[in-house]
Amino acid sequence: MSLKKVCPEAAPFSLKMIDALTKYSNEDLSVEYAKLFVGPFELKAPPYGSVYLDKEKRVMGDSTMEVIKAYQEQGLSIDDEFKEVPDHISVELEFMYYLIHKEVEALKKGDKKRALKWIEPQEAFFSTFLKPWVPPFCEKIKEGTVNRFYKALADCVSSFIDHFHGERKAALNFLAP
C-alpha cells in the first residue's frame, strides 16, 4: 500500500526524499547520518526516546524501562543478540507496526472486540512514548542538517505521527460498541 493512501500528508515529503537521493552520494548520506544519529562526539538528533522524555536526558533512562515493560505486556521480549536500545525510534515504530498488524488480523477475522483490544495498547504507547518525543526529534533533525534528504525525512515522519493520532481516534470510534 502506498504512503499516499495511508497518509496523504506525508507523501509529498517521501517524493522529496526520493529526489534528494539523486543529489547525494552514499558517502554524503552516511556521513550526515552519523553526524545526526550516531556520533562519535555529539548527536545532533539522538534517536532515543529517553533523551527527550527523561529529566536526565540520557539513553536507557526511566522511560526506556517503561518501554520495555510495554513490550513485555504484549508478550514480547528483547533477543539477547539484539544490539539496539529499546527506545530507539526504529524499535518503537516496529512495535507500533506489530500492534497494528495484530489489530488488522483481528479485523480480517471479523473480530471487532479483539481488534479493539489491540488499539488500546497502540493508543497508550503512542500517547505516552511516541507522540511526546518524535516531533522534537524531527525538529532536531531539521535544525542539525542542511541535507535535503534528512530534512524531508523529518517532515515525513512528523506528518505521519500527526496523521496517525487522528486515525487511531477514528478507529476507536468505529470499533467502540
N, C-alpha and C. Protein backbone atom coordinates (compact mmCIF):
# COMPACT_ATOMS: atom_id res chain seq x y z
N MET A 1 0.85 -1.16 0.00
CA MET A 1 0.00 0.00 0.00
C MET A 1 0.90 1.24 0.00
N SER A 2 0.54 2.21 -0.78
CA SER A 2 1.39 3.39 -0.89
C SER A 2 1.16 4.36 0.26
N LEU A 3 2.18 5.16 0.53
CA LEU A 3 2.09 6.16 1.58
C LEU A 3 0.98 7.17 1.26
N LYS A 4 0.76 7.40 0.00
CA LYS A 4 -0.28 8.34 -0.44
C LYS A 4 -1.66 7.90 0.07
N LYS A 5 -1.91 6.60 0.10
CA LYS A 5 -3.19 6.08 0.59
C LYS A 5 -3.25 6.10 2.12
N VAL A 6 -2.16 5.75 2.74
CA VAL A 6 -2.12 5.62 4.19
C VAL A 6 -2.05 6.98 4.87
N CYS A 7 -1.22 7.87 4.33
CA CYS A 7 -1.01 9.18 4.94
C CYS A 7 -0.70 10.20 3.85
N PRO A 8 -1.73 10.74 3.21
CA PRO A 8 -1.50 11.68 2.11
C PRO A 8 -0.68 12.91 2.51
N GLU A 9 -0.73 13.29 3.78
CA GLU A 9 0.03 14.46 4.23
C GLU A 9 1.55 14.22 4.18
N ALA A 10 1.96 12.97 4.39
CA ALA A 10 3.38 12.64 4.41
C ALA A 10 3.93 12.33 3.02
N ALA A 11 3.07 11.96 2.09
CA ALA A 11 3.51 11.51 0.77
C ALA A 11 4.39 12.53 0.03
N PRO A 12 4.07 13.82 0.04
CA PRO A 12 4.94 14.76 -0.69
C PRO A 12 6.39 14.77 -0.17
N PHE A 13 6.54 14.53 1.13
CA PHE A 13 7.89 14.51 1.70
C PHE A 13 8.65 13.27 1.26
N SER A 14 7.95 12.17 1.07
CA SER A 14 8.63 10.96 0.57
C SER A 14 9.13 11.20 -0.86
N LEU A 15 8.38 11.96 -1.65
CA LEU A 15 8.83 12.30 -3.00
C LEU A 15 10.07 13.20 -2.94
N LYS A 16 10.10 14.11 -1.98
CA LYS A 16 11.29 14.96 -1.81
C LYS A 16 12.49 14.12 -1.41
N MET A 17 12.25 13.09 -0.60
CA MET A 17 13.34 12.20 -0.20
C MET A 17 13.90 11.48 -1.42
N ILE A 18 13.02 10.99 -2.28
CA ILE A 18 13.46 10.29 -3.50
C ILE A 18 14.28 11.23 -4.37
N ASP A 19 13.79 12.45 -4.55
CA ASP A 19 14.52 13.43 -5.35
C ASP A 19 15.89 13.72 -4.74
N ALA A 20 15.94 13.88 -3.42
CA ALA A 20 17.20 14.19 -2.75
C ALA A 20 18.20 13.05 -2.87
N LEU A 21 17.72 11.82 -2.92
CA LEU A 21 18.64 10.68 -3.06
C LEU A 21 19.47 10.77 -4.33
N THR A 22 18.93 11.39 -5.35
CA THR A 22 19.68 11.53 -6.61
C THR A 22 20.74 12.62 -6.52
N LYS A 23 20.65 13.46 -5.49
CA LYS A 23 21.57 14.60 -5.36
C LYS A 23 22.77 14.31 -4.46
N TYR A 24 22.69 13.25 -3.67
CA TYR A 24 23.74 12.95 -2.70
C TYR A 24 24.35 11.57 -2.98
N SER A 25 25.63 11.47 -2.69
CA SER A 25 26.30 10.16 -2.79
C SER A 25 25.97 9.35 -1.54
N ASN A 26 26.22 8.06 -1.62
CA ASN A 26 26.03 7.20 -0.44
C ASN A 26 26.93 7.67 0.70
N GLU A 27 28.12 8.12 0.37
CA GLU A 27 29.04 8.60 1.40
C GLU A 27 28.49 9.87 2.06
N ASP A 28 27.96 10.79 1.27
CA ASP A 28 27.36 12.01 1.83
C ASP A 28 26.24 11.67 2.81
N LEU A 29 25.39 10.75 2.40
CA LEU A 29 24.27 10.35 3.25
C LEU A 29 24.75 9.64 4.52
N SER A 30 25.75 8.80 4.39
CA SER A 30 26.29 8.07 5.55
C SER A 30 26.96 9.01 6.55
N VAL A 31 27.71 9.97 6.04
CA VAL A 31 28.38 10.94 6.92
C VAL A 31 27.33 11.77 7.66
N GLU A 32 26.32 12.21 6.95
CA GLU A 32 25.27 13.02 7.58
C GLU A 32 24.48 12.20 8.59
N TYR A 33 24.22 10.93 8.27
CA TYR A 33 23.54 10.02 9.19
C TYR A 33 24.34 9.93 10.49
N ALA A 34 25.64 9.73 10.37
CA ALA A 34 26.49 9.61 11.56
C ALA A 34 26.46 10.90 12.37
N LYS A 35 26.53 12.05 11.72
CA LYS A 35 26.50 13.33 12.43
C LYS A 35 25.19 13.49 13.21
N LEU A 36 24.10 13.10 12.61
CA LEU A 36 22.80 13.29 13.23
C LEU A 36 22.52 12.27 14.34
N PHE A 37 22.79 11.00 14.06
CA PHE A 37 22.24 9.93 14.90
C PHE A 37 23.25 9.04 15.62
N VAL A 38 24.53 9.10 15.24
CA VAL A 38 25.49 8.14 15.78
C VAL A 38 26.61 8.79 16.60
N GLY A 39 27.17 9.85 16.14
CA GLY A 39 28.31 10.48 16.82
C GLY A 39 29.56 10.35 16.00
N PRO A 40 30.74 10.37 16.51
CA PRO A 40 31.18 9.84 17.78
C PRO A 40 31.10 10.82 18.95
N PHE A 41 30.96 12.10 18.70
CA PHE A 41 31.00 13.05 19.82
C PHE A 41 29.59 13.44 20.24
N GLU A 42 29.01 14.39 19.60
CA GLU A 42 27.68 14.86 19.95
C GLU A 42 26.68 14.40 18.90
N LEU A 43 25.55 13.88 19.36
CA LEU A 43 24.47 13.52 18.44
C LEU A 43 23.61 14.77 18.24
N LYS A 44 23.43 15.16 17.00
CA LYS A 44 22.60 16.33 16.72
C LYS A 44 21.12 16.01 16.93
N ALA A 45 20.74 14.78 16.67
CA ALA A 45 19.34 14.37 16.81
C ALA A 45 19.32 12.94 17.38
N PRO A 46 19.50 12.81 18.69
CA PRO A 46 19.51 11.47 19.27
C PRO A 46 18.19 10.73 18.97
N PRO A 47 18.27 9.51 18.44
CA PRO A 47 17.05 8.78 18.07
C PRO A 47 16.47 7.92 19.20
N TYR A 48 16.65 8.35 20.44
CA TYR A 48 16.23 7.59 21.61
C TYR A 48 15.21 8.39 22.42
N GLY A 49 14.08 7.79 22.69
CA GLY A 49 13.01 8.47 23.41
C GLY A 49 13.42 9.01 24.77
N SER A 50 14.24 8.27 25.50
CA SER A 50 14.60 8.68 26.86
C SER A 50 15.35 10.02 26.88
N VAL A 51 16.07 10.33 25.82
CA VAL A 51 16.80 11.59 25.75
C VAL A 51 15.82 12.78 25.78
N TYR A 52 14.62 12.56 25.26
CA TYR A 52 13.61 13.62 25.20
C TYR A 52 12.61 13.55 26.36
N LEU A 53 12.37 12.36 26.87
CA LEU A 53 11.32 12.17 27.86
C LEU A 53 11.79 12.25 29.31
N ASP A 54 13.02 11.92 29.56
CA ASP A 54 13.53 11.88 30.94
C ASP A 54 14.28 13.16 31.29
N LYS A 55 14.18 13.56 32.55
CA LYS A 55 14.86 14.77 33.02
C LYS A 55 16.37 14.69 32.80
N GLU A 56 16.93 13.51 32.96
CA GLU A 56 18.38 13.34 32.85
C GLU A 56 18.88 13.46 31.41
N LYS A 57 17.98 13.37 30.43
CA LYS A 57 18.33 13.48 29.01
C LYS A 57 19.43 12.49 28.62
N ARG A 58 19.25 11.24 29.05
CA ARG A 58 20.26 10.22 28.75
C ARG A 58 19.60 8.97 28.19
N VAL A 59 20.41 8.17 27.54
CA VAL A 59 19.95 6.90 26.98
C VAL A 59 19.74 5.91 28.12
N MET A 60 18.76 5.04 27.95
CA MET A 60 18.43 4.00 28.93
C MET A 60 17.95 4.59 30.25
N GLY A 61 17.13 5.62 30.15
CA GLY A 61 16.55 6.24 31.34
C GLY A 61 15.30 5.50 31.80
N ASP A 62 14.58 6.13 32.70
CA ASP A 62 13.37 5.52 33.26
C ASP A 62 12.33 5.21 32.19
N SER A 63 12.20 6.10 31.23
CA SER A 63 11.19 5.85 30.18
C SER A 63 11.55 4.63 29.34
N THR A 64 12.84 4.35 29.20
CA THR A 64 13.26 3.15 28.46
C THR A 64 12.77 1.90 29.18
N MET A 65 12.84 1.91 30.51
CA MET A 65 12.35 0.77 31.28
C MET A 65 10.84 0.61 31.10
N GLU A 66 10.13 1.72 30.99
CA GLU A 66 8.68 1.68 30.75
C GLU A 66 8.37 1.14 29.35
N VAL A 67 9.20 1.48 28.38
CA VAL A 67 9.04 0.96 27.01
C VAL A 67 9.22 -0.55 27.02
N ILE A 68 10.25 -1.02 27.69
CA ILE A 68 10.49 -2.46 27.80
C ILE A 68 9.28 -3.14 28.44
N LYS A 69 8.74 -2.53 29.47
CA LYS A 69 7.55 -3.08 30.14
C LYS A 69 6.37 -3.16 29.17
N ALA A 70 6.20 -2.13 28.34
CA ALA A 70 5.11 -2.15 27.34
C ALA A 70 5.30 -3.31 26.36
N TYR A 71 6.53 -3.55 25.93
CA TYR A 71 6.81 -4.69 25.04
C TYR A 71 6.44 -6.00 25.74
N GLN A 72 6.88 -6.12 26.99
CA GLN A 72 6.62 -7.36 27.74
C GLN A 72 5.14 -7.59 27.97
N GLU A 73 4.38 -6.53 28.20
CA GLU A 73 2.93 -6.66 28.41
C GLU A 73 2.23 -7.23 27.18
N GLN A 74 2.85 -7.11 26.03
CA GLN A 74 2.29 -7.66 24.80
C GLN A 74 2.92 -9.01 24.45
N GLY A 75 3.65 -9.57 25.40
CA GLY A 75 4.24 -10.89 25.22
C GLY A 75 5.54 -10.90 24.44
N LEU A 76 6.17 -9.75 24.29
CA LEU A 76 7.42 -9.65 23.54
C LEU A 76 8.60 -9.54 24.48
N SER A 77 9.73 -10.05 24.03
CA SER A 77 10.96 -9.90 24.79
C SER A 77 12.07 -9.49 23.82
N ILE A 78 13.12 -8.94 24.37
CA ILE A 78 14.25 -8.49 23.54
C ILE A 78 15.26 -9.61 23.46
N ASP A 79 15.56 -10.00 22.25
CA ASP A 79 16.53 -11.06 21.99
C ASP A 79 17.90 -10.64 22.51
N ASP A 80 18.65 -11.58 23.09
CA ASP A 80 19.98 -11.29 23.63
C ASP A 80 20.94 -10.77 22.56
N GLU A 81 20.72 -11.14 21.31
CA GLU A 81 21.60 -10.71 20.23
C GLU A 81 21.20 -9.37 19.63
N PHE A 82 20.09 -8.82 20.07
CA PHE A 82 19.62 -7.53 19.57
C PHE A 82 20.52 -6.44 20.12
N LYS A 83 21.04 -5.60 19.24
CA LYS A 83 22.06 -4.63 19.65
C LYS A 83 21.54 -3.20 19.81
N GLU A 84 20.30 -2.93 19.51
CA GLU A 84 19.79 -1.56 19.58
C GLU A 84 19.15 -1.30 20.94
N VAL A 85 19.09 -0.03 21.32
CA VAL A 85 18.45 0.37 22.57
C VAL A 85 16.93 0.26 22.37
N PRO A 86 16.19 -0.23 23.37
CA PRO A 86 14.75 -0.49 23.20
C PRO A 86 13.90 0.72 22.85
N ASP A 87 14.38 1.94 23.17
CA ASP A 87 13.57 3.11 22.84
C ASP A 87 14.09 3.87 21.62
N HIS A 88 14.87 3.19 20.79
CA HIS A 88 15.30 3.76 19.50
C HIS A 88 14.05 3.93 18.64
N ILE A 89 13.99 4.98 17.86
CA ILE A 89 12.79 5.25 17.08
C ILE A 89 12.40 4.08 16.20
N SER A 90 13.36 3.41 15.61
CA SER A 90 13.03 2.29 14.72
C SER A 90 12.38 1.14 15.49
N VAL A 91 12.82 0.92 16.72
CA VAL A 91 12.26 -0.16 17.54
C VAL A 91 10.84 0.20 17.98
N GLU A 92 10.65 1.43 18.40
CA GLU A 92 9.32 1.85 18.83
C GLU A 92 8.33 1.83 17.67
N LEU A 93 8.76 2.26 16.49
CA LEU A 93 7.87 2.20 15.33
C LEU A 93 7.57 0.77 14.92
N GLU A 94 8.54 -0.11 15.06
CA GLU A 94 8.32 -1.53 14.77
C GLU A 94 7.30 -2.13 15.75
N PHE A 95 7.36 -1.73 16.99
CA PHE A 95 6.39 -2.18 17.98
C PHE A 95 4.99 -1.70 17.60
N MET A 96 4.87 -0.46 17.18
CA MET A 96 3.57 0.04 16.73
C MET A 96 3.07 -0.76 15.53
N TYR A 97 3.97 -1.09 14.62
CA TYR A 97 3.59 -1.92 13.47
C TYR A 97 3.05 -3.26 13.96
N TYR A 98 3.71 -3.86 14.93
CA TYR A 98 3.27 -5.14 15.48
C TYR A 98 1.84 -5.03 16.02
N LEU A 99 1.58 -3.99 16.81
CA LEU A 99 0.25 -3.81 17.39
C LEU A 99 -0.81 -3.59 16.31
N ILE A 100 -0.48 -2.80 15.31
CA ILE A 100 -1.42 -2.53 14.21
C ILE A 100 -1.66 -3.80 13.41
N HIS A 101 -0.61 -4.57 13.17
CA HIS A 101 -0.75 -5.83 12.44
C HIS A 101 -1.71 -6.77 13.17
N LYS A 102 -1.59 -6.84 14.48
CA LYS A 102 -2.49 -7.69 15.27
C LYS A 102 -3.94 -7.18 15.17
N GLU A 103 -4.11 -5.88 15.17
CA GLU A 103 -5.45 -5.31 15.00
C GLU A 103 -6.03 -5.70 13.64
N VAL A 104 -5.24 -5.57 12.60
CA VAL A 104 -5.68 -5.90 11.24
C VAL A 104 -6.02 -7.38 11.13
N GLU A 105 -5.21 -8.24 11.72
CA GLU A 105 -5.51 -9.68 11.72
C GLU A 105 -6.88 -9.95 12.34
N ALA A 106 -7.16 -9.30 13.47
CA ALA A 106 -8.45 -9.49 14.14
C ALA A 106 -9.60 -8.98 13.27
N LEU A 107 -9.41 -7.85 12.62
CA LEU A 107 -10.45 -7.30 11.75
C LEU A 107 -10.71 -8.21 10.55
N LYS A 108 -9.67 -8.79 9.99
CA LYS A 108 -9.83 -9.72 8.87
C LYS A 108 -10.66 -10.94 9.27
N LYS A 109 -10.59 -11.30 10.54
CA LYS A 109 -11.38 -12.43 11.05
C LYS A 109 -12.76 -11.98 11.51
N GLY A 110 -13.04 -10.68 11.38
CA GLY A 110 -14.34 -10.15 11.80
C GLY A 110 -14.49 -9.99 13.30
N ASP A 111 -13.38 -10.00 14.01
CA ASP A 111 -13.41 -9.93 15.47
C ASP A 111 -13.13 -8.49 15.93
N LYS A 112 -14.18 -7.67 15.95
CA LYS A 112 -14.03 -6.27 16.34
C LYS A 112 -13.60 -6.13 17.80
N LYS A 113 -14.10 -7.01 18.64
CA LYS A 113 -13.76 -6.94 20.06
C LYS A 113 -12.26 -7.14 20.25
N ARG A 114 -11.70 -8.13 19.56
CA ARG A 114 -10.25 -8.40 19.66
C ARG A 114 -9.46 -7.25 19.03
N ALA A 115 -9.95 -6.71 17.93
CA ALA A 115 -9.27 -5.59 17.29
C ALA A 115 -9.18 -4.40 18.24
N LEU A 116 -10.25 -4.15 18.95
CA LEU A 116 -10.27 -3.05 19.91
C LEU A 116 -9.23 -3.26 21.00
N LYS A 117 -9.03 -4.52 21.39
CA LYS A 117 -8.01 -4.80 22.41
C LYS A 117 -6.60 -4.48 21.92
N TRP A 118 -6.38 -4.50 20.61
CA TRP A 118 -5.07 -4.14 20.07
C TRP A 118 -4.93 -2.63 19.90
N ILE A 119 -6.05 -1.95 19.73
CA ILE A 119 -5.99 -0.49 19.57
C ILE A 119 -5.65 0.17 20.91
N GLU A 120 -6.17 -0.35 21.97
CA GLU A 120 -5.92 0.26 23.28
C GLU A 120 -4.43 0.37 23.61
N PRO A 121 -3.62 -0.70 23.45
CA PRO A 121 -2.19 -0.53 23.72
C PRO A 121 -1.49 0.36 22.68
N GLN A 122 -2.02 0.39 21.45
CA GLN A 122 -1.46 1.32 20.46
C GLN A 122 -1.60 2.75 20.95
N GLU A 123 -2.82 3.09 21.34
CA GLU A 123 -3.09 4.46 21.80
C GLU A 123 -2.26 4.81 23.03
N ALA A 124 -2.17 3.89 23.96
CA ALA A 124 -1.39 4.13 25.18
C ALA A 124 0.09 4.33 24.85
N PHE A 125 0.64 3.45 24.03
CA PHE A 125 2.06 3.55 23.70
C PHE A 125 2.34 4.81 22.89
N PHE A 126 1.49 5.06 21.91
CA PHE A 126 1.66 6.23 21.07
C PHE A 126 1.61 7.52 21.90
N SER A 127 0.58 7.64 22.72
CA SER A 127 0.38 8.86 23.51
C SER A 127 1.46 9.06 24.57
N THR A 128 1.92 7.98 25.16
CA THR A 128 2.90 8.07 26.24
C THR A 128 4.33 8.20 25.72
N PHE A 129 4.64 7.49 24.65
CA PHE A 129 6.04 7.42 24.23
C PHE A 129 6.32 8.10 22.89
N LEU A 130 5.63 7.76 21.84
CA LEU A 130 5.99 8.32 20.53
C LEU A 130 5.58 9.79 20.35
N LYS A 131 4.34 10.09 20.58
CA LYS A 131 3.84 11.44 20.32
C LYS A 131 4.61 12.53 21.07
N PRO A 132 4.99 12.32 22.33
CA PRO A 132 5.70 13.39 23.04
C PRO A 132 7.12 13.66 22.53
N TRP A 133 7.81 12.66 21.98
CA TRP A 133 9.21 12.91 21.65
C TRP A 133 9.53 12.93 20.17
N VAL A 134 8.72 12.33 19.32
CA VAL A 134 9.07 12.29 17.90
C VAL A 134 9.04 13.68 17.25
N PRO A 135 8.05 14.54 17.52
CA PRO A 135 8.11 15.88 16.91
C PRO A 135 9.38 16.68 17.30
N PRO A 136 9.79 16.71 18.58
CA PRO A 136 11.05 17.42 18.88
C PRO A 136 12.27 16.75 18.23
N PHE A 137 12.24 15.44 18.14
CA PHE A 137 13.31 14.71 17.44
C PHE A 137 13.39 15.15 15.98
N CYS A 138 12.25 15.23 15.32
CA CYS A 138 12.22 15.66 13.92
C CYS A 138 12.72 17.10 13.77
N GLU A 139 12.38 17.94 14.72
CA GLU A 139 12.88 19.32 14.70
C GLU A 139 14.39 19.36 14.84
N LYS A 140 14.93 18.52 15.70
CA LYS A 140 16.39 18.46 15.87
C LYS A 140 17.07 17.99 14.58
N ILE A 141 16.44 17.07 13.87
CA ILE A 141 17.00 16.64 12.58
C ILE A 141 17.08 17.85 11.65
N LYS A 142 15.97 18.56 11.54
CA LYS A 142 15.92 19.70 10.62
C LYS A 142 16.88 20.82 11.02
N GLU A 143 17.05 21.03 12.32
CA GLU A 143 17.99 22.04 12.81
C GLU A 143 19.44 21.59 12.63
N GLY A 144 19.67 20.30 12.64
CA GLY A 144 21.03 19.77 12.64
C GLY A 144 21.62 19.47 11.28
N THR A 145 20.88 19.72 10.21
CA THR A 145 21.38 19.37 8.88
C THR A 145 20.92 20.37 7.82
N VAL A 146 21.69 20.43 6.76
CA VAL A 146 21.25 21.16 5.56
C VAL A 146 20.90 20.15 4.47
N ASN A 147 21.12 18.89 4.76
CA ASN A 147 20.87 17.81 3.81
C ASN A 147 19.36 17.69 3.55
N ARG A 148 18.97 17.83 2.29
CA ARG A 148 17.54 17.82 1.94
C ARG A 148 16.89 16.47 2.18
N PHE A 149 17.64 15.40 2.04
CA PHE A 149 17.06 14.07 2.29
C PHE A 149 16.60 13.97 3.75
N TYR A 150 17.46 14.31 4.69
CA TYR A 150 17.12 14.17 6.10
C TYR A 150 16.08 15.19 6.55
N LYS A 151 16.09 16.37 5.95
CA LYS A 151 15.03 17.35 6.26
C LYS A 151 13.67 16.81 5.80
N ALA A 152 13.63 16.23 4.60
CA ALA A 152 12.38 15.66 4.09
C ALA A 152 11.97 14.44 4.92
N LEU A 153 12.94 13.64 5.35
CA LEU A 153 12.64 12.50 6.21
C LEU A 153 11.98 12.98 7.51
N ALA A 154 12.53 14.02 8.10
CA ALA A 154 11.97 14.56 9.34
C ALA A 154 10.54 15.05 9.11
N ASP A 155 10.31 15.75 8.01
CA ASP A 155 8.95 16.23 7.71
C ASP A 155 7.99 15.07 7.46
N CYS A 156 8.48 14.03 6.79
CA CYS A 156 7.65 12.86 6.50
C CYS A 156 7.24 12.16 7.80
N VAL A 157 8.20 11.91 8.67
CA VAL A 157 7.92 11.23 9.94
C VAL A 157 6.99 12.08 10.81
N SER A 158 7.27 13.36 10.88
CA SER A 158 6.44 14.26 11.69
C SER A 158 5.00 14.29 11.18
N SER A 159 4.82 14.37 9.88
CA SER A 159 3.48 14.35 9.29
C SER A 159 2.77 13.04 9.56
N PHE A 160 3.50 11.96 9.46
CA PHE A 160 2.93 10.63 9.70
C PHE A 160 2.46 10.51 11.15
N ILE A 161 3.26 10.98 12.08
CA ILE A 161 2.91 10.92 13.51
C ILE A 161 1.65 11.76 13.77
N ASP A 162 1.60 12.94 13.20
CA ASP A 162 0.41 13.79 13.36
C ASP A 162 -0.84 13.11 12.80
N HIS A 163 -0.69 12.51 11.64
CA HIS A 163 -1.82 11.84 10.97
C HIS A 163 -2.27 10.60 11.76
N PHE A 164 -1.32 9.86 12.28
CA PHE A 164 -1.62 8.62 12.98
C PHE A 164 -2.55 8.87 14.16
N HIS A 165 -2.28 9.91 14.91
CA HIS A 165 -3.08 10.19 16.10
C HIS A 165 -4.56 10.35 15.73
N GLY A 166 -4.85 11.08 14.69
CA GLY A 166 -6.23 11.24 14.24
C GLY A 166 -6.85 9.93 13.76
N GLU A 167 -6.07 9.13 13.09
CA GLU A 167 -6.56 7.84 12.58
C GLU A 167 -6.92 6.89 13.72
N ARG A 168 -6.14 6.88 14.78
CA ARG A 168 -6.42 6.00 15.91
C ARG A 168 -7.73 6.40 16.58
N LYS A 169 -7.97 7.68 16.71
CA LYS A 169 -9.23 8.14 17.31
C LYS A 169 -10.41 7.71 16.45
N ALA A 170 -10.27 7.79 15.14
CA ALA A 170 -11.34 7.36 14.23
C ALA A 170 -11.56 5.85 14.36
N ALA A 171 -10.49 5.08 14.48
CA ALA A 171 -10.61 3.62 14.62
C ALA A 171 -11.33 3.27 15.92
N LEU A 172 -10.97 3.96 16.99
CA LEU A 172 -11.64 3.70 18.27
C LEU A 172 -13.13 3.99 18.18
N ASN A 173 -13.50 5.07 17.53
CA ASN A 173 -14.93 5.40 17.36
C ASN A 173 -15.64 4.34 16.53
N PHE A 174 -14.97 3.83 15.49
CA PHE A 174 -15.57 2.81 14.62
C PHE A 174 -15.77 1.50 15.35
N LEU A 175 -14.82 1.11 16.18
CA LEU A 175 -14.88 -0.19 16.84
C LEU A 175 -15.60 -0.18 18.18
N ALA A 176 -15.79 0.99 18.75
CA ALA A 176 -16.44 1.07 20.06
C ALA A 176 -17.87 0.54 19.96
N PRO A 177 -18.28 -0.21 21.00
CA PRO A 177 -19.64 -0.78 20.97
C PRO A 177 -20.72 0.28 21.08
